[in-house]
Amino acid sequence: MSFAELLEEVKNLNPSEKAALRSFLSEDLLNQEESEELLARLDADVAAADAGNNIYTIEETREMVRNVVARSRR
């Protein structure tokens, strides 16, 4: 589903569904602050990539980011 299609679907939500979505976005996504550990790890990974080391596919990168975020939330 594209972002445009997603936006169209949001327009079809009833008021309580929109409120639930708003709550989810504000509490679970928009207000998450990056931990110092997460930022340091991302900086280190960027520096390694800039130096020509550890080149990963987008899928591998997404998985690594998910793992780093999961570890920082523990």
PDB file of N, CA and C in Angstrom:
ATOM      1  N   MET A   1       0.857  -1.168   0.000  1.00  0.00           N
ATOM      2  CA  MET A   1       0.000   0.000   0.000  1.00  0.00           C
ATOM      3  C   MET A   1       0.902   1.229   0.000  1.00  0.00           C
ATOM      4  N   SER A   2       0.596   2.159  -0.867  1.00  0.00           N
ATOM      5  CA  SER A   2       1.383   3.385  -0.929  1.00  0.00           C
ATOM      6  C   SER A   2       0.946   4.347   0.172  1.00  0.00           C
ATOM      7  N   PHE A   3       1.759   5.359   0.382  1.00  0.00           N
ATOM      8  CA  PHE A   3       1.423   6.371   1.382  1.00  0.00           C
ATOM      9  C   PHE A   3       0.133   7.088   1.002  1.00  0.00           C
ATOM     10  N   ALA A   4      -0.031   7.391  -0.286  1.00  0.00           N
ATOM     11  CA  ALA A   4      -1.257   8.061  -0.747  1.00  0.00           C
ATOM     12  C   ALA A   4      -2.483   7.196  -0.476  1.00  0.00           C
ATOM     13  N   GLU A   5      -2.348   5.888  -0.712  1.00  0.00           N
ATOM     14  CA  GLU A   5      -3.464   4.979  -0.447  1.00  0.00           C
ATOM     15  C   GLU A   5      -3.762   4.911   1.051  1.00  0.00           C
ATOM     16  N   LEU A   6      -2.720   4.916   1.839  1.00  0.00           N
ATOM     17  CA  LEU A   6      -2.891   4.908   3.291  1.00  0.00           C
ATOM     18  C   LEU A   6      -3.651   6.142   3.752  1.00  0.00           C
ATOM     19  N   LEU A   7      -3.275   7.304   3.217  1.00  0.00           N
ATOM     20  CA  LEU A   7      -3.968   8.539   3.582  1.00  0.00           C
ATOM     21  C   LEU A   7      -5.444   8.486   3.194  1.00  0.00           C
ATOM     22  N   GLU A   8      -5.734   7.898   2.056  1.00  0.00           N
ATOM     23  CA  GLU A   8      -7.134   7.753   1.637  1.00  0.00           C
ATOM     24  C   GLU A   8      -7.906   6.870   2.613  1.00  0.00           C
ATOM     25  N   GLU A   9      -7.269   5.800   3.066  1.00  0.00           N
ATOM     26  CA  GLU A   9      -7.909   4.899   4.022  1.00  0.00           C
ATOM     27  C   GLU A   9      -8.157   5.596   5.356  1.00  0.00           C
ATOM     28  N   VAL A  10      -7.240   6.431   5.777  1.00  0.00           N
ATOM     29  CA  VAL A  10      -7.406   7.161   7.038  1.00  0.00           C
ATOM     30  C   VAL A  10      -8.654   8.034   6.978  1.00  0.00           C
ATOM     31  N   LYS A  11      -8.926   8.603   5.829  1.00  0.00           N
ATOM     32  CA  LYS A  11     -10.118   9.447   5.674  1.00  0.00           C
ATOM     33  C   LYS A  11     -11.401   8.658   5.924  1.00  0.00           C
ATOM     34  N   ASN A  12     -11.365   7.351   5.725  1.00  0.00           N
ATOM     35  CA  ASN A  12     -12.553   6.510   5.882  1.00  0.00           C
ATOM     36  C   ASN A  12     -12.756   5.989   7.304  1.00  0.00           C
ATOM     37  N   LEU A  13     -11.828   6.265   8.194  1.00  0.00           N
ATOM     38  CA  LEU A  13     -11.965   5.800   9.568  1.00  0.00           C
ATOM     39  C   LEU A  13     -13.075   6.548  10.291  1.00  0.00           C
ATOM     40  N   ASN A  14     -13.734   5.864  11.221  1.00  0.00           N
ATOM     41  CA  ASN A  14     -14.740   6.545  12.030  1.00  0.00           C
ATOM     42  C   ASN A  14     -14.013   7.344  13.120  1.00  0.00           C
ATOM     43  N   PRO A  15     -14.716   8.228  13.810  1.00  0.00           N
ATOM     44  CA  PRO A  15     -14.061   9.091  14.804  1.00  0.00           C
ATOM     45  C   PRO A  15     -13.283   8.331  15.882  1.00  0.00           C
ATOM     46  N   SER A  16     -13.813   7.223  16.364  1.00  0.00           N
ATOM     47  CA  SER A  16     -13.088   6.496  17.413  1.00  0.00           C
ATOM     48  C   SER A  16     -11.825   5.833  16.847  1.00  0.00           C
ATOM     49  N   GLU A  17     -11.883   5.365  15.618  1.00  0.00           N
ATOM     50  CA  GLU A  17     -10.694   4.789  14.986  1.00  0.00           C
ATOM     51  C   GLU A  17      -9.632   5.869  14.741  1.00  0.00           C
ATOM     52  N   LYS A  18     -10.076   7.049  14.326  1.00  0.00           N
ATOM     53  CA  LYS A  18      -9.141   8.160  14.134  1.00  0.00           C
ATOM     54  C   LYS A  18      -8.487   8.551  15.456  1.00  0.00           C
ATOM     55  N   ALA A  19      -9.271   8.549  16.527  1.00  0.00           N
ATOM     56  CA  ALA A  19      -8.719   8.881  17.839  1.00  0.00           C
ATOM     57  C   ALA A  19      -7.687   7.833  18.266  1.00  0.00           C
ATOM     58  N   ALA A  20      -7.982   6.573  18.018  1.00  0.00           N
ATOM     59  CA  ALA A  20      -7.042   5.503  18.363  1.00  0.00           C
ATOM     60  C   ALA A  20      -5.761   5.635  17.546  1.00  0.00           C
ATOM     61  N   LEU A  21      -5.879   5.946  16.275  1.00  0.00           N
ATOM     62  CA  LEU A  21      -4.707   6.140  15.425  1.00  0.00           C
ATOM     63  C   LEU A  21      -3.896   7.342  15.893  1.00  0.00           C
ATOM     64  N   ARG A  22      -4.568   8.427  16.208  1.00  0.00           N
ATOM     65  CA  ARG A  22      -3.890   9.634  16.708  1.00  0.00           C
ATOM     66  C   ARG A  22      -3.122   9.326  17.987  1.00  0.00           C
ATOM     67  N   SER A  23      -3.755   8.586  18.884  1.00  0.00           N
ATOM     68  CA  SER A  23      -3.106   8.216  20.139  1.00  0.00           C
ATOM     69  C   SER A  23      -1.885   7.345  19.886  1.00  0.00           C
ATOM     70  N   PHE A  24      -2.031   6.369  19.014  1.00  0.00           N
ATOM     71  CA  PHE A  24      -0.909   5.491  18.685  1.00  0.00           C
ATOM     72  C   PHE A  24       0.258   6.288  18.128  1.00  0.00           C
ATOM     73  N   LEU A  25      -0.017   7.163  17.185  1.00  0.00           N
ATOM     74  CA  LEU A  25       1.055   7.932  16.561  1.00  0.00           C
ATOM     75  C   LEU A  25       1.722   8.872  17.547  1.00  0.00           C
ATOM     76  N   SER A  26       0.949   9.525  18.361  1.00  0.00           N
ATOM     77  CA  SER A  26       1.545  10.490  19.283  1.00  0.00           C
ATOM     78  C   SER A  26       2.300   9.809  20.417  1.00  0.00           C
ATOM     79  N   GLU A  27       1.774   8.716  20.929  1.00  0.00           N
ATOM     80  CA  GLU A  27       2.408   8.050  22.059  1.00  0.00           C
ATOM     81  C   GLU A  27       3.512   7.090  21.651  1.00  0.00           C
ATOM     82  N   ASP A  28       3.288   6.328  20.604  1.00  0.00           N
ATOM     83  CA  ASP A  28       4.216   5.257  20.266  1.00  0.00           C
ATOM     84  C   ASP A  28       5.263   5.638  19.229  1.00  0.00           C
ATOM     85  N   LEU A  29       4.997   6.614  18.416  1.00  0.00           N
ATOM     86  CA  LEU A  29       5.942   6.935  17.359  1.00  0.00           C
ATOM     87  C   LEU A  29       6.533   8.327  17.477  1.00  0.00           C
ATOM     88  N   LEU A  30       5.699   9.318  17.596  1.00  0.00           N
ATOM     89  CA  LEU A  30       6.179  10.690  17.511  1.00  0.00           C
ATOM     90  C   LEU A  30       6.938  11.149  18.746  1.00  0.00           C
ATOM     91  N   ASN A  31       6.636  10.594  19.908  1.00  0.00           N
ATOM     92  CA  ASN A  31       7.272  11.060  21.129  1.00  0.00           C
ATOM     93  C   ASN A  31       8.437  10.199  21.593  1.00  0.00           C
ATOM     94  N   GLN A  32       8.883   9.272  20.758  1.00  0.00           N
ATOM     95  CA  GLN A  32      10.023   8.451  21.140  1.00  0.00           C
ATOM     96  C   GLN A  32      11.296   9.263  20.971  1.00  0.00           C
ATOM     97  N   GLU A  33      12.047   9.337  22.026  1.00  0.00           N
ATOM     98  CA  GLU A  33      13.318  10.043  21.962  1.00  0.00           C
ATOM     99  C   GLU A  33      14.422   9.024  21.748  1.00  0.00           C
ATOM    100  N   GLU A  34      15.394   9.399  20.945  1.00  0.00           N
ATOM    101  CA  GLU A  34      16.516   8.519  20.700  1.00  0.00           C
ATOM    102  C   GLU A  34      17.418   8.498  21.927  1.00  0.00           C
ATOM    103  N   SER A  35      17.817   7.318  22.327  1.00  0.00           N
ATOM    104  CA  SER A  35      18.723   7.210  23.464  1.00  0.00           C
ATOM    105  C   SER A  35      20.134   7.543  23.000  1.00  0.00           C
ATOM    106  N   GLU A  36      20.968   7.877  23.944  1.00  0.00           N
ATOM    107  CA  GLU A  36      22.374   8.152  23.623  1.00  0.00           C
ATOM    108  C   GLU A  36      23.025   6.914  23.001  1.00  0.00           C
ATOM    109  N   GLU A  37      22.659   5.732  23.518  1.00  0.00           N
ATOM    110  CA  GLU A  37      23.208   4.486  22.984  1.00  0.00           C
ATOM    111  C   GLU A  37      22.824   4.303  21.517  1.00  0.00           C
ATOM    112  N   LEU A  38      21.554   4.532  21.205  1.00  0.00           N
ATOM    113  CA  LEU A  38      21.084   4.398  19.826  1.00  0.00           C
ATOM    114  C   LEU A  38      21.806   5.377  18.916  1.00  0.00           C
ATOM    115  N   LEU A  39      21.895   6.629  19.329  1.00  0.00           N
ATOM    116  CA  LEU A  39      22.555   7.638  18.503  1.00  0.00           C
ATOM    117  C   LEU A  39      24.026   7.320  18.304  1.00  0.00           C
ATOM    118  N   ALA A  40      24.690   6.847  19.355  1.00  0.00           N
ATOM    119  CA  ALA A  40      26.108   6.496  19.240  1.00  0.00           C
ATOM    120  C   ALA A  40      26.296   5.333  18.274  1.00  0.00           C
ATOM    121  N   ARG A  41      25.428   4.346  18.361  1.00  0.00           N
ATOM    122  CA  ARG A  41      25.519   3.180  17.462  1.00  0.00           C
ATOM    123  C   ARG A  41      25.281   3.603  16.013  1.00  0.00           C
ATOM    124  N   LEU A  42      24.291   4.442  15.790  1.00  0.00           N
ATOM    125  CA  LEU A  42      24.024   4.916  14.434  1.00  0.00           C
ATOM    126  C   LEU A  42      25.193   5.736  13.900  1.00  0.00           C
ATOM    127  N   ASP A  43      25.779   6.592  14.743  1.00  0.00           N
ATOM    128  CA  ASP A  43      26.947   7.375  14.332  1.00  0.00           C
ATOM    129  C   ASP A  43      28.105   6.452  13.953  1.00  0.00           C
ATOM    130  N   ALA A  44      28.318   5.416  14.753  1.00  0.00           N
ATOM    131  CA  ALA A  44      29.400   4.475  14.472  1.00  0.00           C
ATOM    132  C   ALA A  44      29.156   3.736  13.160  1.00  0.00           C
ATOM    133  N   ASP A  45      27.914   3.342  12.917  1.00  0.00           N
ATOM    134  CA  ASP A  45      27.581   2.650  11.672  1.00  0.00           C
ATOM    135  C   ASP A  45      27.755   3.556  10.461  1.00  0.00           C
ATOM    136  N   VAL A  46      27.378   4.816  10.591  1.00  0.00           N
ATOM    137  CA  VAL A  46      27.557   5.770   9.496  1.00  0.00           C
ATOM    138  C   VAL A  46      29.042   5.982   9.215  1.00  0.00           C
ATOM    139  N   ALA A  47      29.832   6.125  10.267  1.00  0.00           N
ATOM    140  CA  ALA A  47      31.276   6.301  10.102  1.00  0.00           C
ATOM    141  C   ALA A  47      31.888   5.083   9.419  1.00  0.00           C
ATOM    142  N   ALA A  48      31.445   3.878   9.797  1.00  0.00           N
ATOM    143  CA  ALA A  48      31.957   2.663   9.168  1.00  0.00           C
ATOM    144  C   ALA A  48      31.587   2.618   7.690  1.00  0.00           C
ATOM    145  N   ALA A  49      30.362   2.994   7.372  1.00  0.00           N
ATOM    146  CA  ALA A  49      29.942   3.017   5.969  1.00  0.00           C
ATOM    147  C   ALA A  49      30.733   4.052   5.187  1.00  0.00           C
ATOM    148  N   ASP A  50      30.963   5.221   5.789  1.00  0.00           N
ATOM    149  CA  ASP A  50      31.741   6.262   5.127  1.00  0.00           C
ATOM    150  C   ASP A  50      33.171   5.803   4.859  1.00  0.00           C
ATOM    151  N   ALA A  51      33.697   4.944   5.724  1.00  0.00           N
ATOM    152  CA  ALA A  51      35.058   4.433   5.563  1.00  0.00           C
ATOM    153  C   ALA A  51      35.112   3.266   4.573  1.00  0.00           C
ATOM    154  N   GLY A  52      33.947   2.897   4.033  1.00  0.00           N
ATOM    155  CA  GLY A  52      33.906   1.816   3.055  1.00  0.00           C
ATOM    156  C   GLY A  52      33.716   0.444   3.661  1.00  0.00           C
ATOM    157  N   ASN A  53      33.386   0.374   4.916  1.00  0.00           N
ATOM    158  CA  ASN A  53      33.193  -0.901   5.606  1.00  0.00           C
ATOM    159  C   ASN A  53      31.711  -1.235   5.730  1.00  0.00           C
ATOM    160  N   ASN A  54      31.455  -2.526   5.857  1.00  0.00           N
ATOM    161  CA  ASN A  54      30.122  -3.018   6.204  1.00  0.00           C
ATOM    162  C   ASN A  54      28.992  -2.412   5.368  1.00  0.00           C
ATOM    163  N   ILE A  55      28.969  -2.703   4.095  1.00  0.00           N
ATOM    164  CA  ILE A  55      27.892  -2.243   3.232  1.00  0.00           C
ATOM    165  C   ILE A  55      26.797  -3.308   3.257  1.00  0.00           C
ATOM    166  N   TYR A  56      25.569  -2.884   3.554  1.00  0.00           N
ATOM    167  CA  TYR A  56      24.445  -3.793   3.700  1.00  0.00           C
ATOM    168  C   TYR A  56      23.322  -3.418   2.742  1.00  0.00           C
ATOM    169  N   THR A  57      22.469  -4.397   2.445  1.00  0.00           N
ATOM    170  CA  THR A  57      21.269  -4.121   1.655  1.00  0.00           C
ATOM    171  C   THR A  57      20.288  -3.336   2.520  1.00  0.00           C
ATOM    172  N   ILE A  58      19.282  -2.764   1.905  1.00  0.00           N
ATOM    173  CA  ILE A  58      18.284  -1.998   2.657  1.00  0.00           C
ATOM    174  C   ILE A  58      17.542  -2.916   3.634  1.00  0.00           C
ATOM    175  N   GLU A  59      17.290  -4.161   3.242  1.00  0.00           N
ATOM    176  CA  GLU A  59      16.606  -5.086   4.137  1.00  0.00           C
ATOM    177  C   GLU A  59      17.468  -5.400   5.362  1.00  0.00           C
ATOM    178  N   GLU A  60      18.761  -5.622   5.145  1.00  0.00           N
ATOM    179  CA  GLU A  60      19.667  -5.881   6.264  1.00  0.00           C
ATOM    180  C   GLU A  60      19.756  -4.661   7.180  1.00  0.00           C
ATOM    181  N   THR A  61      19.786  -3.493   6.583  1.00  0.00           N
ATOM    182  CA  THR A  61      19.859  -2.262   7.365  1.00  0.00           C
ATOM    183  C   THR A  61      18.603  -2.077   8.202  1.00  0.00           C
ATOM    184  N   ARG A  62      17.453  -2.308   7.619  1.00  0.00           N
ATOM    185  CA  ARG A  62      16.197  -2.183   8.365  1.00  0.00           C
ATOM    186  C   ARG A  62      16.177  -3.137   9.553  1.00  0.00           C
ATOM    187  N   GLU A  63      16.621  -4.370   9.345  1.00  0.00           N
ATOM    188  CA  GLU A  63      16.651  -5.347  10.431  1.00  0.00           C
ATOM    189  C   GLU A  63      17.608  -4.902  11.527  1.00  0.00           C
ATOM    190  N   MET A  64      18.769  -4.391  11.146  1.00  0.00           N
ATOM    191  CA  MET A  64      19.730  -3.921  12.144  1.00  0.00           C
ATOM    192  C   MET A  64      19.158  -2.748  12.935  1.00  0.00           C
ATOM    193  N   VAL A  65      18.478  -1.829  12.264  1.00  0.00           N
ATOM    194  CA  VAL A  65      17.878  -0.686  12.961  1.00  0.00           C
ATOM    195  C   VAL A  65      16.814  -1.179  13.925  1.00  0.00           C
ATOM    196  N   ARG A  66      15.982  -2.126  13.492  1.00  0.00           N
ATOM    197  CA  ARG A  66      14.965  -2.691  14.395  1.00  0.00           C
ATOM    198  C   ARG A  66      15.629  -3.308  15.627  1.00  0.00           C
ATOM    199  N   ASN A  67      16.726  -4.027  15.422  1.00  0.00           N
ATOM    200  CA  ASN A  67      17.426  -4.668  16.540  1.00  0.00           C
ATOM    201  C   ASN A  67      18.029  -3.623  17.486  1.00  0.00           C
ATOM    202  N   VAL A  68      18.636  -2.592  16.942  1.00  0.00           N
ATOM    203  CA  VAL A  68      19.235  -1.544  17.777  1.00  0.00           C
ATOM    204  C   VAL A  68      18.152  -0.837  18.576  1.00  0.00           C
ATOM    205  N   VAL A  69      17.036  -0.522  17.939  1.00  0.00           N
ATOM    206  CA  VAL A  69      15.929   0.153  18.635  1.00  0.00           C
ATOM    207  C   VAL A  69      15.362  -0.762  19.718  1.00  0.00           C
ATOM    208  N   ALA A  70      15.191  -2.027  19.412  1.00  0.00           N
ATOM    209  CA  ALA A  70      14.664  -2.968  20.404  1.00  0.00           C
ATOM    210  C   ALA A  70      15.593  -3.065  21.616  1.00  0.00           C
ATOM    211  N   ARG A  71      16.912  -3.126  21.362  1.00  0.00           N
ATOM    212  CA  ARG A  71      17.858  -3.195  22.474  1.00  0.00           C
ATOM    213  C   ARG A  71      17.847  -1.910  23.297  1.00  0.00           C
ATOM    214  N   SER A  72      17.660  -0.769  22.648  1.00  0.00           N
ATOM    215  CA  SER A  72      17.690   0.501  23.386  1.00  0.00           C
ATOM    216  C   SER A  72      16.448   0.683  24.245  1.00  0.00           C
ATOM    217  N   ARG A  73      15.377  -0.056  23.959  1.00  0.00           N
ATOM    218  CA  ARG A  73      14.132   0.054  24.730  1.00  0.00           C
ATOM    219  C   ARG A  73      14.124  -0.856  25.938  1.00  0.00           C
ATOM    220  N   ARG A  74      15.075  -1.746  26.038  1.00  0.00           N
ATOM    221  CA  ARG A  74      15.103  -2.699  27.173  1.00  0.00           C
ATOM    222  C   ARG A  74      15.517  -2.034  28.440  1.00  0.00           C
TER     223      ARG A  74
END
